[in-house]
N, C-alpha and C. Protein backbone atom coordinates (compact mmCIF):
# COMPACT_ATOMS: atom_id res chain seq x y z
N MET A 1 -40.66 95.24 17.30
CA MET A 1 -41.56 94.37 18.06
C MET A 1 -42.82 94.14 17.52
N LYS A 2 -43.35 93.44 17.73
CA LYS A 2 -44.97 92.97 17.44
C LYS A 2 -45.43 92.31 18.56
N LYS A 3 -46.47 92.44 18.90
CA LYS A 3 -47.25 91.98 19.93
C LYS A 3 -48.52 91.27 19.46
N TYR A 4 -48.93 90.10 19.80
CA TYR A 4 -49.83 89.22 19.31
C TYR A 4 -50.58 88.77 20.50
N GLN A 5 -51.63 88.42 20.70
CA GLN A 5 -52.56 87.78 21.37
C GLN A 5 -52.85 86.55 21.19
N ILE A 6 -52.68 85.43 21.70
CA ILE A 6 -52.86 84.09 20.98
C ILE A 6 -53.95 83.45 22.38
N THR A 7 -54.81 82.52 21.75
CA THR A 7 -55.43 81.52 22.73
C THR A 7 -55.11 80.29 22.68
N VAL A 8 -54.86 79.52 23.61
CA VAL A 8 -54.26 78.00 23.79
C VAL A 8 -55.31 77.60 24.53
N ASN A 9 -56.35 76.84 24.27
CA ASN A 9 -56.83 75.99 25.17
C ASN A 9 -58.38 76.95 26.28
N GLY A 10 -58.81 77.84 25.60
CA GLY A 10 -58.95 78.40 26.26
C GLY A 10 -58.54 79.80 27.20
N ASN A 11 -57.31 79.62 27.32
CA ASN A 11 -56.38 80.77 28.13
C ASN A 11 -56.15 81.77 27.19
N VAL A 12 -55.75 82.79 27.07
CA VAL A 12 -55.45 83.90 26.51
C VAL A 12 -53.97 84.46 26.70
N TYR A 13 -53.15 84.45 25.71
CA TYR A 13 -51.64 84.77 26.20
C TYR A 13 -51.42 86.10 25.43
N GLU A 14 -50.56 86.74 25.86
CA GLU A 14 -50.22 88.04 24.90
C GLU A 14 -48.69 88.05 24.97
N VAL A 15 -48.22 87.88 23.51
CA VAL A 15 -46.66 87.63 22.89
C VAL A 15 -45.92 88.50 22.15
N GLU A 16 -44.77 88.65 22.64
CA GLU A 16 -43.82 89.68 21.78
C GLU A 16 -42.76 89.03 21.09
N VAL A 17 -43.21 89.38 19.59
CA VAL A 17 -42.28 88.77 18.60
C VAL A 17 -41.51 89.72 18.19
N GLU A 18 -40.17 89.43 18.17
CA GLU A 18 -38.98 90.56 17.37
C GLU A 18 -38.42 89.85 16.27
N GLU A 19 -38.38 90.66 14.99
CA GLU A 19 -38.13 90.29 13.77
C GLU A 19 -36.40 90.50 13.67
N VAL A 20 -35.56 89.30 13.27
CA VAL A 20 -34.55 89.47 13.50
C VAL A 20 -34.06 89.58 11.68
N ALA A 21 -32.86 90.17 11.06
CA ALA A 21 -32.53 90.71 10.02
C ALA A 21 -31.55 89.35 9.56
N ALA A 22 -31.91 88.82 8.26
CA ALA A 22 -30.87 87.75 7.77
C ALA A 22 -29.60 88.24 7.98
N GLY A 23 -28.90 87.10 8.33
CA GLY A 23 -27.44 87.36 9.03
C GLY A 23 -27.00 87.57 10.38
N ALA A 24 -28.09 87.85 11.16
CA ALA A 24 -28.05 88.76 12.11
C ALA A 24 -27.79 87.44 13.18
N THR A 25 -26.91 87.55 13.99
CA THR A 25 -26.02 86.65 15.09
C THR A 25 -26.85 86.69 16.49
N GLU A 26 -27.38 87.92 16.72
CA GLU A 26 -28.00 88.10 17.86
C GLU A 26 -29.04 87.31 18.27
N GLN A 27 -29.28 86.74 19.51
CA GLN A 27 -30.43 85.71 19.97
C GLN A 27 -31.54 86.45 20.82
N ALA A 28 -32.45 86.13 20.74
CA ALA A 28 -33.68 86.72 21.72
C ALA A 28 -33.17 86.32 23.32
N PRO A 29 -33.70 87.05 24.20
CA PRO A 29 -33.68 86.89 25.38
C PRO A 29 -34.23 85.58 25.54
N ALA A 30 -33.72 84.62 26.75
CA ALA A 30 -34.34 83.42 26.86
C ALA A 30 -35.73 83.46 27.55
N ALA A 31 -35.58 84.78 28.66
CA ALA A 31 -36.47 84.72 29.68
C ALA A 31 -37.69 85.65 28.99
N PRO A 32 -39.32 85.32 29.31
CA PRO A 32 -40.28 86.40 28.44
C PRO A 32 -40.08 87.55 29.25
N LYS A 33 -40.43 89.01 28.67
CA LYS A 33 -40.53 89.72 29.08
C LYS A 33 -42.14 90.19 30.14
N ALA A 34 -43.00 89.96 29.44
CA ALA A 34 -44.22 89.84 30.02
C ALA A 34 -44.62 88.40 30.75
N PRO A 35 -45.44 88.56 32.11
CA PRO A 35 -45.61 87.50 32.74
C PRO A 35 -46.58 86.79 31.91
N VAL A 36 -46.40 85.37 32.29
CA VAL A 36 -46.95 84.26 31.65
C VAL A 36 -47.40 83.44 32.60
N THR A 37 -48.84 83.45 31.89
CA THR A 37 -49.55 82.25 33.16
C THR A 37 -49.43 81.16 32.78
N PRO A 38 -49.21 80.18 33.61
CA PRO A 38 -49.48 78.84 33.43
C PRO A 38 -50.18 78.31 32.61
N VAL A 39 -49.90 77.34 31.89
CA VAL A 39 -51.07 76.28 30.93
C VAL A 39 -51.35 75.16 32.03
N ALA A 40 -52.80 74.89 31.98
CA ALA A 40 -53.28 74.03 32.39
C ALA A 40 -52.27 72.38 32.04
N LYS A 41 -52.34 71.70 33.20
CA LYS A 41 -51.77 70.42 32.81
C LYS A 41 -52.71 69.45 31.89
N ALA A 42 -52.12 68.67 31.08
CA ALA A 42 -53.11 68.07 30.19
C ALA A 42 -53.04 66.58 30.95
N PRO A 43 -54.56 66.06 30.48
CA PRO A 43 -54.72 65.06 30.98
C PRO A 43 -53.90 64.03 30.90
N ALA A 44 -53.88 62.82 31.95
CA ALA A 44 -52.84 61.94 32.03
C ALA A 44 -53.11 61.10 31.08
N ALA A 45 -52.05 60.46 30.18
CA ALA A 45 -52.07 59.75 28.87
C ALA A 45 -52.75 58.25 29.32
N ALA A 46 -53.68 57.83 28.59
CA ALA A 46 -54.06 56.36 28.78
C ALA A 46 -52.80 55.55 28.63
N PRO A 47 -53.00 54.47 29.42
CA PRO A 47 -51.73 53.21 29.55
C PRO A 47 -51.61 52.79 27.88
N LYS A 48 -50.63 52.60 27.51
CA LYS A 48 -50.25 52.14 26.35
C LYS A 48 -49.78 50.75 26.42
N ALA A 49 -50.13 49.77 25.72
CA ALA A 49 -50.15 48.19 25.83
C ALA A 49 -48.85 48.12 25.29
N ALA A 50 -48.09 47.32 26.11
CA ALA A 50 -46.68 46.67 25.63
C ALA A 50 -46.89 46.36 24.44
N ALA A 51 -45.75 46.39 23.60
CA ALA A 51 -45.34 46.08 22.15
C ALA A 51 -45.25 44.48 21.83
N PRO A 52 -46.41 43.62 21.53
CA PRO A 52 -46.59 42.15 21.36
C PRO A 52 -45.63 41.88 20.85
N ALA A 53 -44.87 40.31 20.80
CA ALA A 53 -44.22 39.15 20.05
C ALA A 53 -44.82 39.25 18.92
N ALA A 54 -44.20 39.07 17.93
CA ALA A 54 -44.74 38.41 16.60
C ALA A 54 -45.29 37.20 17.04
N PRO A 55 -46.41 37.09 16.20
CA PRO A 55 -47.59 35.92 16.61
C PRO A 55 -47.06 34.58 16.40
N ALA A 56 -47.23 33.49 17.16
CA ALA A 56 -46.77 32.51 17.24
C ALA A 56 -47.37 31.92 15.65
N ALA A 57 -46.30 30.84 15.49
CA ALA A 57 -47.25 29.98 13.82
C ALA A 57 -48.44 29.32 14.36
N GLY A 58 -49.38 29.27 13.39
CA GLY A 58 -50.48 28.55 13.50
C GLY A 58 -51.83 29.36 14.07
N THR A 59 -50.99 30.90 14.20
CA THR A 59 -52.00 31.79 15.33
C THR A 59 -52.37 32.81 14.08
N LYS A 60 -53.75 33.46 14.06
CA LYS A 60 -54.03 34.81 13.08
C LYS A 60 -54.13 35.89 14.07
N PRO A 61 -53.32 37.19 14.11
CA PRO A 61 -53.08 38.25 14.90
C PRO A 61 -54.63 39.12 14.49
N VAL A 62 -55.36 39.17 15.58
CA VAL A 62 -56.70 40.39 15.35
C VAL A 62 -56.01 41.95 15.29
N THR A 63 -56.13 42.64 14.52
CA THR A 63 -55.16 43.84 14.29
C THR A 63 -56.22 44.87 14.38
N ALA A 64 -55.99 46.26 14.69
CA ALA A 64 -57.00 47.43 14.65
C ALA A 64 -57.01 47.75 13.76
N PRO A 65 -58.24 48.32 13.11
CA PRO A 65 -58.19 48.72 11.63
C PRO A 65 -58.17 50.09 11.65
N MET A 66 -57.56 50.64 12.56
CA MET A 66 -57.43 52.34 12.82
C MET A 66 -57.12 52.61 13.78
N PRO A 67 -56.04 53.80 14.36
CA PRO A 67 -56.26 54.09 15.79
C PRO A 67 -56.99 54.70 16.55
N GLY A 68 -56.87 54.34 17.73
CA GLY A 68 -58.12 54.79 18.73
C GLY A 68 -57.59 54.21 20.02
N THR A 69 -58.91 54.09 20.79
CA THR A 69 -58.55 53.75 22.39
C THR A 69 -59.42 52.68 22.60
N ILE A 70 -59.07 51.80 23.24
CA ILE A 70 -59.84 50.39 23.37
C ILE A 70 -60.43 51.05 24.94
N LEU A 71 -62.24 50.82 24.57
CA LEU A 71 -62.98 51.18 25.55
C LEU A 71 -63.13 49.77 26.48
N GLU A 72 -63.26 48.61 25.59
CA GLU A 72 -63.97 47.46 26.11
C GLU A 72 -63.21 45.94 25.68
N VAL A 73 -62.90 45.08 26.12
CA VAL A 73 -62.09 44.09 25.70
C VAL A 73 -63.35 43.16 26.27
N LYS A 74 -63.81 42.43 25.20
CA LYS A 74 -64.91 41.48 25.41
C LYS A 74 -64.19 39.72 25.71
N VAL A 75 -63.14 39.65 25.52
CA VAL A 75 -62.77 38.17 25.58
C VAL A 75 -61.47 37.97 26.24
N THR A 76 -61.45 36.67 26.73
CA THR A 76 -60.37 35.87 27.74
C THR A 76 -59.56 35.64 27.13
N VAL A 77 -58.46 34.80 27.36
CA VAL A 77 -57.46 33.80 26.70
C VAL A 77 -57.98 32.60 27.08
N GLY A 78 -58.34 31.72 25.97
CA GLY A 78 -58.96 30.49 26.04
C GLY A 78 -60.37 30.25 26.11
N GLN A 79 -60.75 31.73 25.64
CA GLN A 79 -62.20 31.45 25.19
C GLN A 79 -62.48 31.47 23.73
N SER A 80 -63.28 30.48 23.45
CA SER A 80 -63.76 30.06 22.09
C SER A 80 -64.77 31.13 21.34
N VAL A 81 -64.49 31.76 20.19
CA VAL A 81 -64.84 32.74 19.21
C VAL A 81 -65.59 32.30 18.05
N LYS A 82 -66.68 32.89 17.59
CA LYS A 82 -67.06 32.76 16.44
C LYS A 82 -67.06 33.70 15.18
N ARG A 83 -66.60 33.50 14.18
CA ARG A 83 -66.50 34.48 12.72
C ARG A 83 -67.29 35.40 13.28
N GLY A 84 -66.94 36.69 13.41
CA GLY A 84 -68.07 37.92 13.27
C GLY A 84 -68.17 38.44 14.81
N GLU A 85 -67.95 37.71 15.52
CA GLU A 85 -68.37 37.84 17.07
C GLU A 85 -67.43 38.80 17.52
N PRO A 86 -68.22 39.93 18.29
CA PRO A 86 -67.25 41.17 18.75
C PRO A 86 -66.26 40.98 20.05
N LEU A 87 -64.97 41.23 19.54
CA LEU A 87 -63.95 41.14 20.30
C LEU A 87 -63.26 42.08 21.45
N PHE A 88 -63.22 43.47 20.79
CA PHE A 88 -62.87 44.57 21.20
C PHE A 88 -64.15 45.77 20.97
N ILE A 89 -64.05 46.71 21.66
CA ILE A 89 -64.76 47.81 21.26
C ILE A 89 -63.64 49.39 20.89
N LEU A 90 -63.46 49.61 20.13
CA LEU A 90 -62.80 50.70 19.98
C LEU A 90 -62.87 51.83 19.50
N GLU A 91 -62.80 52.59 20.50
CA GLU A 91 -63.17 54.34 20.35
C GLU A 91 -62.34 54.99 19.20
N ALA A 92 -62.83 55.50 17.77
CA ALA A 92 -62.07 56.10 17.09
C ALA A 92 -63.07 57.43 16.38
N MET A 93 -62.13 58.79 16.94
CA MET A 93 -62.77 60.03 16.14
C MET A 93 -64.32 59.84 16.45
N LYS A 94 -64.59 59.66 18.15
CA LYS A 94 -65.76 59.92 18.86
C LYS A 94 -66.92 58.62 18.22
N MET A 95 -66.58 57.45 17.69
CA MET A 95 -67.14 56.67 17.46
C MET A 95 -66.84 55.29 17.54
N GLU A 96 -67.99 54.73 18.51
CA GLU A 96 -67.22 53.15 19.02
C GLU A 96 -67.52 52.03 17.75
N ASN A 97 -66.43 51.40 17.82
CA ASN A 97 -66.51 50.40 16.43
C ASN A 97 -66.10 49.18 17.40
N GLU A 98 -66.94 47.92 16.84
CA GLU A 98 -66.55 46.64 16.85
C GLU A 98 -65.40 46.03 16.66
N ILE A 99 -64.80 45.43 17.04
CA ILE A 99 -63.35 44.94 16.16
C ILE A 99 -63.84 43.07 16.26
N PRO A 100 -64.47 42.53 15.08
CA PRO A 100 -64.66 41.46 15.28
C PRO A 100 -63.77 40.16 15.48
N ALA A 101 -64.11 38.81 15.46
CA ALA A 101 -63.08 37.98 14.94
C ALA A 101 -63.12 37.56 13.31
N PRO A 102 -62.20 37.47 13.19
CA PRO A 102 -61.87 37.32 11.50
C PRO A 102 -62.29 35.50 11.21
N GLU A 103 -62.49 35.17 12.11
CA GLU A 103 -62.86 33.42 11.71
C GLU A 103 -62.90 33.00 13.06
N ASP A 104 -63.16 31.40 13.27
CA ASP A 104 -63.67 30.85 14.17
C ASP A 104 -62.44 30.47 15.14
N GLY A 105 -62.51 30.42 16.14
CA GLY A 105 -60.97 29.81 16.58
C GLY A 105 -61.15 30.25 18.52
N VAL A 106 -59.70 29.81 18.94
CA VAL A 106 -59.97 30.07 20.37
C VAL A 106 -58.68 31.17 20.35
N ILE A 107 -59.05 32.38 21.73
CA ILE A 107 -58.20 33.39 21.50
C ILE A 107 -56.79 32.68 22.54
N ALA A 108 -55.75 32.79 21.71
CA ALA A 108 -54.45 32.34 22.24
C ALA A 108 -53.89 33.52 23.13
N SER A 109 -53.80 34.76 22.65
CA SER A 109 -53.35 36.13 23.68
C SER A 109 -54.59 37.14 23.39
N VAL A 110 -54.34 37.94 24.38
CA VAL A 110 -55.24 39.20 24.52
C VAL A 110 -53.96 40.43 24.78
N ASP A 111 -53.55 41.07 23.56
CA ASP A 111 -52.44 42.04 23.72
C ASP A 111 -52.59 43.09 23.85
N THR A 112 -53.68 43.57 24.58
CA THR A 112 -54.17 45.05 24.87
C THR A 112 -54.97 45.11 26.22
N THR A 113 -55.27 46.13 26.75
CA THR A 113 -56.03 46.60 27.73
C THR A 113 -56.94 47.56 27.83
N LYS A 114 -58.21 47.61 28.46
CA LYS A 114 -59.00 48.54 28.34
C LYS A 114 -57.97 49.96 28.59
N GLY A 115 -58.85 50.82 27.80
CA GLY A 115 -58.01 52.35 27.81
C GLY A 115 -56.59 52.70 27.20
N ALA A 116 -56.14 51.08 26.85
CA ALA A 116 -55.11 51.23 25.88
C ALA A 116 -55.02 52.08 24.53
N SER A 117 -54.06 53.11 23.99
CA SER A 117 -54.29 53.84 23.00
C SER A 117 -53.43 52.76 21.69
N VAL A 118 -54.03 52.51 20.76
CA VAL A 118 -53.66 51.65 19.94
C VAL A 118 -53.55 52.45 18.39
N ALA A 119 -52.52 51.85 17.57
CA ALA A 119 -52.14 52.50 15.98
C ALA A 119 -52.85 51.40 15.48
N SER A 120 -53.02 52.11 14.24
CA SER A 120 -53.23 51.12 13.09
C SER A 120 -52.56 50.27 12.71
N GLY A 121 -53.38 48.78 12.55
CA GLY A 121 -52.40 47.72 12.73
C GLY A 121 -52.11 47.13 13.76
N ALA A 122 -52.25 47.46 14.86
CA ALA A 122 -51.43 46.83 15.88
C ALA A 122 -52.03 45.78 16.53
N VAL A 123 -51.72 44.92 16.80
CA VAL A 123 -52.18 43.23 17.16
C VAL A 123 -53.22 43.38 18.63
N LEU A 124 -54.25 43.39 18.26
CA LEU A 124 -55.04 43.40 19.70
C LEU A 124 -54.84 42.02 20.43
N ALA A 125 -55.10 40.86 19.74
CA ALA A 125 -55.04 39.36 19.97
C ALA A 125 -54.89 38.37 19.11
N THR A 126 -54.43 37.28 19.37
CA THR A 126 -54.64 36.33 18.61
C THR A 126 -55.11 35.15 18.41
N LEU A 127 -55.61 34.48 17.42
CA LEU A 127 -56.73 33.52 17.51
C LEU A 127 -55.60 31.94 17.01
N LYS A 128 -56.03 30.93 17.69
CA LYS A 128 -55.56 29.75 17.23
C LYS A 128 -56.60 28.99 16.71
């Protein structure tokens, strides 16, 4: 039996590991022998945007160029936008990135919300 000291999120844990020979069928006990301090709860996950339907014909999707969190939604449905105008602020790797309009148009739908986690390529809005 080997003892190890492991630090997880600033909390120190002492664990014991037993080496089992190849072909052995004995399983380790289910309960730990040493007292284990509880791990602090992780912060609540940011709300995720619902999966949007496929864009309608005649619309252009505005997609996330990288995974991240939406910090700000700067547009509403029906709003006219010009090419290059910032539509969203996306935080990725501790940097704030403006997501610009790819062309002139009118916002047909906004498919995400402030605080939502988005994947790379996720549809944020559609233009018509």
